[in-house]
Amino acid sequence: MSMNRGFRAVVFDNLCAHESALWAVFGLCGVMLPLLLISLTVVEPDSATYVIVILDLISVAVVGAVTGGLLRRCQPK
């Protein structure tokens, strides 16, 4: 590891070293999003469970988007 390399480059290199784990997280998000969308149709709109499902949807979507972005950046140019 060179001292001239930027912190961001080192972080991305270390994250890209775990590309298989990133694919696993991305795949899990791909499975969870449709399941959460299906459960959203079953839950009553004014219940606390509805709010939790919405928050879960948002968090899984954000994790999936960040993981997808990392995977895209890890692809060879």
Protein backbone atom coordinates (compact mmCIF):
# COMPACT_ATOMS: atom_id res chain seq x y z
CA MET A 1 0.00 0.00 0.00
CA SER A 2 1.51 3.24 -1.15
CA MET A 3 1.28 6.39 0.90
CA ASN A 4 0.56 8.36 -2.30
CA ARG A 5 -2.76 6.59 -2.89
CA GLY A 6 -5.81 8.38 -1.65
CA PHE A 7 -7.92 7.15 1.22
CA ARG A 8 -10.93 6.72 -1.07
CA ALA A 9 -8.97 4.49 -3.48
CA VAL A 10 -7.78 2.28 -0.63
CA VAL A 11 -11.31 1.94 0.76
CA PHE A 12 -12.74 0.99 -2.63
CA ASP A 13 -9.94 -1.51 -3.25
CA ASN A 14 -10.66 -3.18 0.08
CA LEU A 15 -14.41 -3.25 -0.58
CA CYS A 16 -13.87 -4.67 -4.07
CA ALA A 17 -11.74 -7.43 -2.55
CA HIS A 18 -15.02 -8.72 -1.03
CA GLU A 19 -16.99 -8.67 -4.28
CA SER A 20 -18.65 -12.03 -3.64
CA ALA A 21 -20.06 -10.76 -0.34
CA LEU A 22 -21.32 -7.62 -2.09
CA TRP A 23 -23.11 -9.83 -4.65
CA ALA A 24 -24.69 -11.78 -1.78
CA VAL A 25 -25.99 -8.58 -0.16
CA PHE A 26 -27.25 -7.30 -3.52
CA GLY A 27 -29.03 -10.61 -4.19
CA LEU A 28 -30.58 -10.61 -0.74
CA CYS A 29 -31.92 -7.11 -1.35
CA GLY A 30 -33.31 -8.30 -4.66
CA VAL A 31 -35.23 -11.04 -2.85
CA MET A 32 -36.36 -8.92 0.08
CA LEU A 33 -37.76 -6.00 -1.94
CA PRO A 34 -40.50 -8.01 -3.71
CA LEU A 35 -41.37 -9.81 -0.48
CA LEU A 36 -41.73 -6.50 1.35
CA LEU A 37 -43.83 -5.11 -1.48
CA ILE A 38 -46.12 -8.14 -1.27
CA SER A 39 -46.41 -7.79 2.50
CA LEU A 40 -47.24 -4.11 2.06
CA THR A 41 -50.48 -5.07 0.30
CA VAL A 42 -51.53 -7.26 3.24
CA VAL A 43 -50.80 -4.88 6.13
CA GLU A 44 -53.42 -2.35 7.24
CA PRO A 45 -52.41 1.16 6.13
CA ASP A 46 -52.91 2.88 9.52
CA SER A 47 -51.04 0.35 11.64
CA ALA A 48 -47.59 0.46 13.18
CA THR A 49 -46.64 -2.58 11.13
CA TYR A 50 -47.29 -0.59 7.95
CA VAL A 51 -44.79 2.05 9.09
CA ILE A 52 -42.20 -0.63 9.85
CA VAL A 53 -42.68 -2.23 6.43
CA ILE A 54 -42.25 1.18 4.76
CA LEU A 55 -39.05 1.83 6.74
CA ASP A 56 -37.80 -1.66 5.84
CA LEU A 57 -38.53 -1.00 2.17
CA ILE A 58 -36.60 2.25 2.26
CA SER A 59 -33.63 0.76 4.11
CA VAL A 60 -33.42 -2.32 1.86
CA ALA A 61 -33.66 -0.11 -1.23
CA VAL A 62 -30.86 2.15 0.04
CA VAL A 63 -28.61 -0.81 0.93
CA GLY A 64 -29.31 -2.35 -2.48
CA ALA A 65 -28.55 0.90 -4.28
CA VAL A 66 -25.29 1.46 -2.39
CA THR A 67 -24.22 -2.15 -2.93
CA GLY A 68 -25.12 -1.94 -6.62
CA GLY A 69 -23.08 1.24 -6.92
CA LEU A 70 -20.11 -0.44 -5.27
CA LEU A 71 -20.41 -3.43 -7.59
CA ARG A 72 -20.54 -1.13 -10.59
CA ARG A 73 -17.43 0.69 -9.42
CA CYS A 74 -15.63 -2.62 -8.83
CA GLN A 75 -16.10 -3.69 -12.48
CA PRO A 76 -12.91 -3.49 -14.54
CA LYS A 77 -12.80 -0.48 -16.82
